[in-house]
Amino acid sequence: MVALSSAHTIGFSHCKEVAHRIYNHNNDGQNAFDPSMNPKFAKVLQKAYANYIKDETIATFNDIMMLGQFDNMYFKNLARGLRHQTKF
């Protein structure tokens, strides 16, 4: 499980998977995000997916805090709320 989970640190996600949580959450305005998210992470996601409305195919690394690095920061950032949660 650890290997499978940590492999996601170098994967990527399409914005459509999280758009409902980072844009206009509960119809509270374009920049409103899910309050259960770490605000820093939500703002980083909003910046990474800034052109989503124009291009719904946009994708970025799953671990946008440590781009393309395969290390244990995945787990540290997950605990801090600075990662997409992987669901199995």
PDB file of N, CA and C in Angstrom:
ATOM      1  N   MET A   1       0.827  -1.182   0.000  1.00  0.00           N
ATOM      2  CA  MET A   1       0.000   0.000   0.000  1.00  0.00           C
ATOM      3  C   MET A   1       0.876   1.251   0.000  1.00  0.00           C
ATOM      4  N   VAL A   2       1.957   1.237   0.757  1.00  0.00           N
ATOM      5  CA  VAL A   2       2.843   2.405   0.798  1.00  0.00           C
ATOM      6  C   VAL A   2       3.431   2.674  -0.576  1.00  0.00           C
ATOM      7  N   ALA A   3       3.916   1.626  -1.241  1.00  0.00           N
ATOM      8  CA  ALA A   3       4.508   1.809  -2.569  1.00  0.00           C
ATOM      9  C   ALA A   3       3.468   2.313  -3.565  1.00  0.00           C
ATOM     10  N   LEU A   4       2.291   1.736  -3.538  1.00  0.00           N
ATOM     11  CA  LEU A   4       1.238   2.156  -4.457  1.00  0.00           C
ATOM     12  C   LEU A   4       0.842   3.603  -4.203  1.00  0.00           C
ATOM     13  N   SER A   5       0.667   3.943  -2.961  1.00  0.00           N
ATOM     14  CA  SER A   5       0.283   5.293  -2.598  1.00  0.00           C
ATOM     15  C   SER A   5       1.369   6.297  -2.950  1.00  0.00           C
ATOM     16  N   SER A   6       2.606   5.997  -2.621  1.00  0.00           N
ATOM     17  CA  SER A   6       3.689   6.956  -2.872  1.00  0.00           C
ATOM     18  C   SER A   6       3.987   7.096  -4.350  1.00  0.00           C
ATOM     19  N   ALA A   7       3.635   6.114  -5.159  1.00  0.00           N
ATOM     20  CA  ALA A   7       3.841   6.238  -6.602  1.00  0.00           C
ATOM     21  C   ALA A   7       3.022   7.393  -7.173  1.00  0.00           C
ATOM     22  N   HIS A   8       1.951   7.768  -6.505  1.00  0.00           N
ATOM     23  CA  HIS A   8       1.132   8.880  -6.973  1.00  0.00           C
ATOM     24  C   HIS A   8       1.851  10.224  -6.859  1.00  0.00           C
ATOM     25  N   THR A   9       2.949  10.272  -6.161  1.00  0.00           N
ATOM     26  CA  THR A   9       3.685  11.523  -6.025  1.00  0.00           C
ATOM     27  C   THR A   9       4.252  11.991  -7.356  1.00  0.00           C
ATOM     28  N   ILE A  10       4.455  11.074  -8.300  1.00  0.00           N
ATOM     29  CA  ILE A  10       4.980  11.477  -9.600  1.00  0.00           C
ATOM     30  C   ILE A  10       3.921  11.374 -10.698  1.00  0.00           C
ATOM     31  N   GLY A  11       2.687  11.097 -10.313  1.00  0.00           N
ATOM     32  CA  GLY A  11       1.593  11.035 -11.270  1.00  0.00           C
ATOM     33  C   GLY A  11       0.978  12.411 -11.494  1.00  0.00           C
ATOM     34  N   PHE A  12      -0.108  12.450 -12.235  1.00  0.00           N
ATOM     35  CA  PHE A  12      -0.784  13.718 -12.464  1.00  0.00           C
ATOM     36  C   PHE A  12      -2.299  13.528 -12.402  1.00  0.00           C
ATOM     37  N   SER A  13      -3.000  14.640 -12.223  1.00  0.00           N
ATOM     38  CA  SER A  13      -4.464  14.632 -12.165  1.00  0.00           C
ATOM     39  C   SER A  13      -5.017  15.710 -13.077  1.00  0.00           C
ATOM     40  N   HIS A  14      -6.175  15.425 -13.636  1.00  0.00           N
ATOM     41  CA  HIS A  14      -6.882  16.431 -14.429  1.00  0.00           C
ATOM     42  C   HIS A  14      -7.679  17.314 -13.486  1.00  0.00           C
ATOM     43  N   CYS A  15      -7.783  18.563 -13.830  1.00  0.00           N
ATOM     44  CA  CYS A  15      -8.487  19.528 -12.990  1.00  0.00           C
ATOM     45  C   CYS A  15      -9.936  19.128 -12.754  1.00  0.00           C
ATOM     46  N   LYS A  16     -10.553  18.484 -13.731  1.00  0.00           N
ATOM     47  CA  LYS A  16     -11.969  18.138 -13.585  1.00  0.00           C
ATOM     48  C   LYS A  16     -12.231  17.286 -12.351  1.00  0.00           C
ATOM     49  N   GLU A  17     -11.189  16.610 -11.845  1.00  0.00           N
ATOM     50  CA  GLU A  17     -11.345  15.767 -10.662  1.00  0.00           C
ATOM     51  C   GLU A  17     -11.490  16.573  -9.378  1.00  0.00           C
ATOM     52  N   VAL A  18     -10.986  17.803  -9.350  1.00  0.00           N
ATOM     53  CA  VAL A  18     -11.035  18.615  -8.125  1.00  0.00           C
ATOM     54  C   VAL A  18     -11.687  19.978  -8.321  1.00  0.00           C
ATOM     55  N   ALA A  19     -12.097  20.294  -9.535  1.00  0.00           N
ATOM     56  CA  ALA A  19     -12.643  21.625  -9.826  1.00  0.00           C
ATOM     57  C   ALA A  19     -13.792  22.001  -8.902  1.00  0.00           C
ATOM     58  N   HIS A  20     -14.655  21.039  -8.596  1.00  0.00           N
ATOM     59  CA  HIS A  20     -15.814  21.323  -7.739  1.00  0.00           C
ATOM     60  C   HIS A  20     -15.398  21.701  -6.311  1.00  0.00           C
ATOM     61  N   ARG A  21     -14.164  21.369  -5.928  1.00  0.00           N
ATOM     62  CA  ARG A  21     -13.687  21.705  -4.580  1.00  0.00           C
ATOM     63  C   ARG A  21     -12.865  22.991  -4.543  1.00  0.00           C
ATOM     64  N   ILE A  22     -12.355  23.448  -5.695  1.00  0.00           N
ATOM     65  CA  ILE A  22     -11.469  24.618  -5.674  1.00  0.00           C
ATOM     66  C   ILE A  22     -12.043  25.838  -6.382  1.00  0.00           C
ATOM     67  N   TYR A  23     -13.141  25.666  -7.101  1.00  0.00           N
ATOM     68  CA  TYR A  23     -13.779  26.792  -7.782  1.00  0.00           C
ATOM     69  C   TYR A  23     -15.259  26.848  -7.433  1.00  0.00           C
ATOM     70  N   ASN A  24     -15.717  28.034  -7.026  1.00  0.00           N
ATOM     71  CA  ASN A  24     -17.135  28.291  -6.772  1.00  0.00           C
ATOM     72  C   ASN A  24     -17.776  27.238  -5.870  1.00  0.00           C
ATOM     73  N   HIS A  25     -17.073  26.853  -4.832  1.00  0.00           N
ATOM     74  CA  HIS A  25     -17.600  25.846  -3.906  1.00  0.00           C
ATOM     75  C   HIS A  25     -18.874  26.365  -3.246  1.00  0.00           C
ATOM     76  N   ASN A  26     -19.921  25.571  -3.289  1.00  0.00           N
ATOM     77  CA  ASN A  26     -21.240  25.930  -2.737  1.00  0.00           C
ATOM     78  C   ASN A  26     -21.770  27.241  -3.311  1.00  0.00           C
ATOM     79  N   ASN A  27     -21.406  27.539  -4.554  1.00  0.00           N
ATOM     80  CA  ASN A  27     -21.843  28.764  -5.235  1.00  0.00           C
ATOM     81  C   ASN A  27     -21.492  30.032  -4.458  1.00  0.00           C
ATOM     82  N   ASP A  28     -20.323  30.023  -3.824  1.00  0.00           N
ATOM     83  CA  ASP A  28     -19.880  31.164  -3.018  1.00  0.00           C
ATOM     84  C   ASP A  28     -18.900  32.068  -3.754  1.00  0.00           C
ATOM     85  N   GLY A  29     -18.834  31.983  -5.051  1.00  0.00           N
ATOM     86  CA  GLY A  29     -17.943  32.847  -5.834  1.00  0.00           C
ATOM     87  C   GLY A  29     -16.834  32.053  -6.497  1.00  0.00           C
ATOM     88  N   GLN A  30     -16.293  32.600  -7.578  1.00  0.00           N
ATOM     89  CA  GLN A  30     -15.315  31.903  -8.409  1.00  0.00           C
ATOM     90  C   GLN A  30     -14.127  31.357  -7.615  1.00  0.00           C
ATOM     91  N   ASN A  31     -13.603  32.095  -6.648  1.00  0.00           N
ATOM     92  CA  ASN A  31     -12.422  31.646  -5.906  1.00  0.00           C
ATOM     93  C   ASN A  31     -12.748  30.938  -4.601  1.00  0.00           C
ATOM     94  N   ALA A  32     -14.022  30.645  -4.364  1.00  0.00           N
ATOM     95  CA  ALA A  32     -14.412  29.936  -3.140  1.00  0.00           C
ATOM     96  C   ALA A  32     -13.994  28.472  -3.254  1.00  0.00           C
ATOM     97  N   PHE A  33     -13.345  27.974  -2.213  1.00  0.00           N
ATOM     98  CA  PHE A  33     -12.908  26.578  -2.208  1.00  0.00           C
ATOM     99  C   PHE A  33     -13.479  25.862  -1.003  1.00  0.00           C
ATOM    100  N   ASP A  34     -13.419  24.546  -1.046  1.00  0.00           N
ATOM    101  CA  ASP A  34     -13.922  23.692   0.021  1.00  0.00           C
ATOM    102  C   ASP A  34     -13.198  24.034   1.322  1.00  0.00           C
ATOM    103  N   PRO A  35     -13.921  24.459   2.361  1.00  0.00           N
ATOM    104  CA  PRO A  35     -13.279  24.857   3.609  1.00  0.00           C
ATOM    105  C   PRO A  35     -12.577  23.711   4.337  1.00  0.00           C
ATOM    106  N   SER A  36     -12.841  22.476   3.939  1.00  0.00           N
ATOM    107  CA  SER A  36     -12.131  21.364   4.564  1.00  0.00           C
ATOM    108  C   SER A  36     -10.707  21.212   4.008  1.00  0.00           C
ATOM    109  N   MET A  37     -10.400  21.946   2.938  1.00  0.00           N
ATOM    110  CA  MET A  37      -9.065  21.899   2.344  1.00  0.00           C
ATOM    111  C   MET A  37      -8.134  22.885   3.043  1.00  0.00           C
ATOM    112  N   ASN A  38      -6.865  22.555   3.050  1.00  0.00           N
ATOM    113  CA  ASN A  38      -5.852  23.490   3.530  1.00  0.00           C
ATOM    114  C   ASN A  38      -5.882  24.693   2.583  1.00  0.00           C
ATOM    115  N   PRO A  39      -6.060  25.911   3.110  1.00  0.00           N
ATOM    116  CA  PRO A  39      -6.165  27.094   2.247  1.00  0.00           C
ATOM    117  C   PRO A  39      -4.955  27.285   1.327  1.00  0.00           C
ATOM    118  N   LYS A  40      -3.779  27.014   1.830  1.00  0.00           N
ATOM    119  CA  LYS A  40      -2.572  27.156   1.007  1.00  0.00           C
ATOM    120  C   LYS A  40      -2.630  26.206  -0.182  1.00  0.00           C
ATOM    121  N   PHE A  41      -3.021  24.964   0.071  1.00  0.00           N
ATOM    122  CA  PHE A  41      -3.107  23.969  -0.992  1.00  0.00           C
ATOM    123  C   PHE A  41      -4.187  24.351  -1.999  1.00  0.00           C
ATOM    124  N   ALA A  42      -5.335  24.813  -1.522  1.00  0.00           N
ATOM    125  CA  ALA A  42      -6.426  25.206  -2.420  1.00  0.00           C
ATOM    126  C   ALA A  42      -5.983  26.335  -3.349  1.00  0.00           C
ATOM    127  N   LYS A  43      -5.268  27.298  -2.814  1.00  0.00           N
ATOM    128  CA  LYS A  43      -4.803  28.422  -3.638  1.00  0.00           C
ATOM    129  C   LYS A  43      -3.741  27.979  -4.650  1.00  0.00           C
ATOM    130  N   VAL A  44      -2.885  27.047  -4.260  1.00  0.00           N
ATOM    131  CA  VAL A  44      -1.895  26.511  -5.196  1.00  0.00           C
ATOM    132  C   VAL A  44      -2.601  25.763  -6.325  1.00  0.00           C
ATOM    133  N   LEU A  45      -3.638  24.985  -5.976  1.00  0.00           N
ATOM    134  CA  LEU A  45      -4.405  24.280  -7.008  1.00  0.00           C
ATOM    135  C   LEU A  45      -5.107  25.262  -7.942  1.00  0.00           C
ATOM    136  N   GLN A  46      -5.693  26.322  -7.383  1.00  0.00           N
ATOM    137  CA  GLN A  46      -6.359  27.314  -8.216  1.00  0.00           C
ATOM    138  C   GLN A  46      -5.378  27.937  -9.205  1.00  0.00           C
ATOM    139  N   LYS A  47      -4.175  28.196  -8.742  1.00  0.00           N
ATOM    140  CA  LYS A  47      -3.155  28.772  -9.621  1.00  0.00           C
ATOM    141  C   LYS A  47      -2.731  27.763 -10.688  1.00  0.00           C
ATOM    142  N   ALA A  48      -2.519  26.508 -10.286  1.00  0.00           N
ATOM    143  CA  ALA A  48      -2.084  25.470 -11.231  1.00  0.00           C
ATOM    144  C   ALA A  48      -3.136  25.223 -12.311  1.00  0.00           C
ATOM    145  N   TYR A  49      -4.406  25.338 -11.953  1.00  0.00           N
ATOM    146  CA  TYR A  49      -5.494  25.065 -12.886  1.00  0.00           C
ATOM    147  C   TYR A  49      -6.175  26.346 -13.355  1.00  0.00           C
ATOM    148  N   ALA A  50      -5.449  27.441 -13.378  1.00  0.00           N
ATOM    149  CA  ALA A  50      -6.023  28.750 -13.682  1.00  0.00           C
ATOM    150  C   ALA A  50      -6.752  28.804 -15.024  1.00  0.00           C
ATOM    151  N   ASN A  51      -6.332  28.056 -16.003  1.00  0.00           N
ATOM    152  CA  ASN A  51      -6.964  28.095 -17.328  1.00  0.00           C
ATOM    153  C   ASN A  51      -7.986  26.990 -17.538  1.00  0.00           C
ATOM    154  N   TYR A  52      -8.463  26.404 -16.457  1.00  0.00           N
ATOM    155  CA  TYR A  52      -9.402  25.285 -16.553  1.00  0.00           C
ATOM    156  C   TYR A  52     -10.669  25.648 -17.321  1.00  0.00           C
ATOM    157  N   ILE A  53     -11.191  26.824 -17.113  1.00  0.00           N
ATOM    158  CA  ILE A  53     -12.440  27.219 -17.772  1.00  0.00           C
ATOM    159  C   ILE A  53     -12.252  27.249 -19.290  1.00  0.00           C
ATOM    160  N   LYS A  54     -11.076  27.627 -19.755  1.00  0.00           N
ATOM    161  CA  LYS A  54     -10.788  27.664 -21.191  1.00  0.00           C
ATOM    162  C   LYS A  54     -10.397  26.296 -21.743  1.00  0.00           C
ATOM    163  N   ASP A  55      -9.768  25.465 -20.908  1.00  0.00           N
ATOM    164  CA  ASP A  55      -9.267  24.167 -21.361  1.00  0.00           C
ATOM    165  C   ASP A  55      -9.492  23.122 -20.277  1.00  0.00           C
ATOM    166  N   GLU A  56     -10.539  22.335 -20.414  1.00  0.00           N
ATOM    167  CA  GLU A  56     -10.900  21.343 -19.402  1.00  0.00           C
ATOM    168  C   GLU A  56      -9.974  20.129 -19.374  1.00  0.00           C
ATOM    169  N   THR A  57      -9.002  20.076 -20.266  1.00  0.00           N
ATOM    170  CA  THR A  57      -8.065  18.947 -20.296  1.00  0.00           C
ATOM    171  C   THR A  57      -6.805  19.221 -19.477  1.00  0.00           C
ATOM    172  N   ILE A  58      -6.721  20.356 -18.821  1.00  0.00           N
ATOM    173  CA  ILE A  58      -5.534  20.723 -18.045  1.00  0.00           C
ATOM    174  C   ILE A  58      -5.286  19.697 -16.946  1.00  0.00           C
ATOM    175  N   ALA A  59      -4.009  19.363 -16.774  1.00  0.00           N
ATOM    176  CA  ALA A  59      -3.591  18.426 -15.731  1.00  0.00           C
ATOM    177  C   ALA A  59      -2.296  18.947 -15.111  1.00  0.00           C
ATOM    178  N   THR A  60      -2.029  18.515 -13.900  1.00  0.00           N
ATOM    179  CA  THR A  60      -0.779  18.869 -13.243  1.00  0.00           C
ATOM    180  C   THR A  60      -0.368  17.709 -12.346  1.00  0.00           C
ATOM    181  N   PHE A  61       0.852  17.772 -11.850  1.00  0.00           N
ATOM    182  CA  PHE A  61       1.338  16.728 -10.945  1.00  0.00           C
ATOM    183  C   PHE A  61       0.406  16.598  -9.746  1.00  0.00           C
ATOM    184  N   ASN A  62       0.233  15.381  -9.249  1.00  0.00           N
ATOM    185  CA  ASN A  62      -0.563  15.175  -8.037  1.00  0.00           C
ATOM    186  C   ASN A  62       0.053  15.892  -6.857  1.00  0.00           C
ATOM    187  N   ASP A  63       1.358  15.836  -6.758  1.00  0.00           N
ATOM    188  CA  ASP A  63       2.056  16.484  -5.649  1.00  0.00           C
ATOM    189  C   ASP A  63       2.619  17.805  -6.146  1.00  0.00           C
ATOM    190  N   ILE A  64       1.768  18.826  -6.201  1.00  0.00           N
ATOM    191  CA  ILE A  64       2.191  20.102  -6.764  1.00  0.00           C
ATOM    192  C   ILE A  64       3.076  20.904  -5.820  1.00  0.00           C
ATOM    193  N   MET A  65       3.247  20.415  -4.616  1.00  0.00           N
ATOM    194  CA  MET A  65       4.146  21.098  -3.688  1.00  0.00           C
ATOM    195  C   MET A  65       5.601  20.684  -3.929  1.00  0.00           C
ATOM    196  N   MET A  66       5.817  19.487  -4.462  1.00  0.00           N
ATOM    197  CA  MET A  66       7.161  18.958  -4.714  1.00  0.00           C
ATOM    198  C   MET A  66       7.158  18.342  -6.112  1.00  0.00           C
ATOM    199  N   LEU A  67       7.131  19.157  -7.133  1.00  0.00           N
ATOM    200  CA  LEU A  67       6.941  18.704  -8.504  1.00  0.00           C
ATOM    201  C   LEU A  67       7.939  17.643  -8.954  1.00  0.00           C
ATOM    202  N   GLY A  68       7.399  16.494  -9.344  1.00  0.00           N
ATOM    203  CA  GLY A  68       8.189  15.454  -9.967  1.00  0.00           C
ATOM    204  C   GLY A  68       9.248  14.789  -9.104  1.00  0.00           C
ATOM    205  N   GLN A  69       9.218  15.012  -7.809  1.00  0.00           N
ATOM    206  CA  GLN A  69      10.212  14.401  -6.929  1.00  0.00           C
ATOM    207  C   GLN A  69       9.600  13.182  -6.253  1.00  0.00           C
ATOM    208  N   PHE A  70      10.351  12.108  -6.232  1.00  0.00           N
ATOM    209  CA  PHE A  70       9.893  10.871  -5.605  1.00  0.00           C
ATOM    210  C   PHE A  70      10.596  10.746  -4.257  1.00  0.00           C
ATOM    211  N   ASP A  71       9.908  11.169  -3.217  1.00  0.00           N
ATOM    212  CA  ASP A  71      10.497  11.158  -1.879  1.00  0.00           C
ATOM    213  C   ASP A  71       9.395  11.016  -0.838  1.00  0.00           C
ATOM    214  N   ASN A  72       9.732  11.114   0.423  1.00  0.00           N
ATOM    215  CA  ASN A  72       8.734  10.929   1.476  1.00  0.00           C
ATOM    216  C   ASN A  72       7.919  12.192   1.767  1.00  0.00           C
ATOM    217  N   MET A  73       8.145  13.256   1.028  1.00  0.00           N
ATOM    218  CA  MET A  73       7.360  14.472   1.230  1.00  0.00           C
ATOM    219  C   MET A  73       5.888  14.242   0.887  1.00  0.00           C
ATOM    220  N   TYR A  74       5.604  13.249   0.053  1.00  0.00           N
ATOM    221  CA  TYR A  74       4.213  12.897  -0.237  1.00  0.00           C
ATOM    222  C   TYR A  74       3.455  12.678   1.062  1.00  0.00           C
ATOM    223  N   PHE A  75       4.025  11.878   1.945  1.00  0.00           N
ATOM    224  CA  PHE A  75       3.359  11.539   3.194  1.00  0.00           C
ATOM    225  C   PHE A  75       3.310  12.722   4.154  1.00  0.00           C
ATOM    226  N   LYS A  76       4.373  13.498   4.206  1.00  0.00           N
ATOM    227  CA  LYS A  76       4.384  14.679   5.071  1.00  0.00           C
ATOM    228  C   LYS A  76       3.358  15.696   4.591  1.00  0.00           C
ATOM    229  N   ASN A  77       3.313  15.936   3.291  1.00  0.00           N
ATOM    230  CA  ASN A  77       2.355  16.896   2.748  1.00  0.00           C
ATOM    231  C   ASN A  77       0.924  16.385   2.856  1.00  0.00           C
ATOM    232  N   LEU A  78       0.717  15.093   2.755  1.00  0.00           N
ATOM    233  CA  LEU A  78      -0.619  14.527   2.930  1.00  0.00           C
ATOM    234  C   LEU A  78      -1.130  14.806   4.338  1.00  0.00           C
ATOM    235  N   ALA A  79      -0.277  14.612   5.333  1.00  0.00           N
ATOM    236  CA  ALA A  79      -0.664  14.868   6.724  1.00  0.00           C
ATOM    237  C   ALA A  79      -0.945  16.349   6.973  1.00  0.00           C
ATOM    238  N   ARG A  80      -0.295  17.223   6.221  1.00  0.00           N
ATOM    239  CA  ARG A  80      -0.484  18.671   6.368  1.00  0.00           C
ATOM    240  C   ARG A  80      -1.653  19.195   5.538  1.00  0.00           C
ATOM    241  N   GLY A  81      -2.265  18.311   4.765  1.00  0.00           N
ATOM    242  CA  GLY A  81      -3.364  18.748   3.901  1.00  0.00           C
ATOM    243  C   GLY A  81      -2.873  19.403   2.628  1.00  0.00           C
ATOM    244  N   LEU A  82      -1.640  19.135   2.244  1.00  0.00           N
ATOM    245  CA  LEU A  82      -1.052  19.762   1.075  1.00  0.00           C
ATOM    246  C   LEU A  82      -0.905  18.779  -0.094  1.00  0.00           C
ATOM    247  N   ARG A  83      -1.784  17.808  -0.174  1.00  0.00           N
ATOM    248  CA  ARG A  83      -1.755  16.786  -1.211  1.00  0.00           C
ATOM    249  C   ARG A  83      -3.170  16.376  -1.538  1.00  0.00           C
ATOM    250  N   HIS A  84      -3.363  15.915  -2.761  1.00  0.00           N
ATOM    251  CA  HIS A  84      -4.614  15.233  -3.087  1.00  0.00           C
ATOM    252  C   HIS A  84      -4.650  13.955  -2.300  1.00  0.00           C
ATOM    253  N   GLN A  85      -5.768  13.583  -1.750  1.00  0.00           N
ATOM    254  CA  GLN A  85      -5.864  12.302  -1.078  1.00  0.00           C
ATOM    255  C   GLN A  85      -6.153  11.227  -2.113  1.00  0.00           C
ATOM    256  N   THR A  86      -5.420  10.151  -2.020  1.00  0.00           N
ATOM    257  CA  THR A  86      -5.624   9.020  -2.902  1.00  0.00           C
ATOM    258  C   THR A  86      -6.638   8.101  -2.262  1.00  0.00           C
ATOM    259  N   LYS A  87      -7.653   7.727  -2.997  1.00  0.00           N
ATOM    260  CA  LYS A  87      -8.692   6.848  -2.458  1.00  0.00           C
ATOM    261  C   LYS A  87      -8.560   5.470  -3.081  1.00  0.00           C
ATOM    262  N   PHE A  88      -8.558   4.453  -2.258  1.00  0.00           N
ATOM    263  CA  PHE A  88      -8.443   3.078  -2.737  1.00  0.00           C
ATOM    264  C   PHE A  88      -9.728   2.338  -2.443  1.00  0.00           C
TER     265      PHE A  88
END
